[in-house]
Amino acid sequence: MDPDFWLFAAVGFAAQLVDGALGMAYGVISTTVLLSFGVTPANASASVHAAKVFTGAASGLSHVLYRNVDWKLLGLLAGGGVVGGVLGAYVLTSVPGEAVKPFVVAWLGLMGLVILYRAWRQRRPRVFSWKSPLPLGLVGGFFDAVGGGGWGPVVTSSLMGAGADTRKAIGTTNAAEVFVAAATSAAFLGSLLTGHWETDGLRDLLWSLGGLIAGGVVAAPLAGWMTKVLPLRLLTWMVGVLVVALAGWQAMTLF
């Protein structure tokens, strides 16, 4: 078996453990590793979203079993995310994705600071407005497709920044992600088949893709349990620190 399989199985396990427990970072971690191996942004995003279909399904089921999902919120986020993901895939296969990254970094940094403030002040969760999740899902799906990761950081951090319950925000975002990943993967495939996107080297990533899927599926049940049992304030602090750290890392790579 190709050594890349085991390497990316470890990456997928760690990334899904973080993503499933904190509601973000699977795409960011996996895409960053692929890019470090010289994979093009479009190929990396396509590979990661294909893996997310499987890991997202396992993670979403785990959160459903642990009752971390708000079904009405799930429908609105997934609906917007599907549209945004398809649009983002089209943009990524047409123009450089680097052009939108500064806006993502600024948004992540702001949301991370808001979450840390709420953890510090011990603000109690409140019901999230049903008027906002649909456009939030659209924005999250778009940035997720363009950047190869961003659904969790944008959506989870925005929900928590607005005061949504931490466990519901994490569980629902993870469950919605599988629909977004499936739609985005279909958009990449459609671009390839219609000739809109010409790529090479995608077949060479099959072992890496298999490793990401295997590691992520194994980690998903444990991640759902972690979200269920971790203290709410500790979980909020962890998400806030992670978002700020991701924003800082992306800023360093950009500037």
Foldseek 3Di string as FASTA:
>chain_A
DDPLLQVLLVQLQVQLLCCLQQVFRNQVSQLVVVVVVVDDQLLLLLLSLVLLLQLLQLLLVLLVVLVLADVLLLVLLLQLLLQLQLVLNLVLLPDQLLVCLVVLLVQLQVLLVLLQVCLVVVPAADDDDPVPNNPQSNVQNNNCSSRSTRQRSSQLSVCVSRRHQRSHSRNSSSNSSSSSSVSNSVSNVVCPVVVVHDDPPSVVCPSSSNSSNNSSSVNSNVSSVSNSPDDRSVSSNVNSVVSNVSSVVSVVVSD
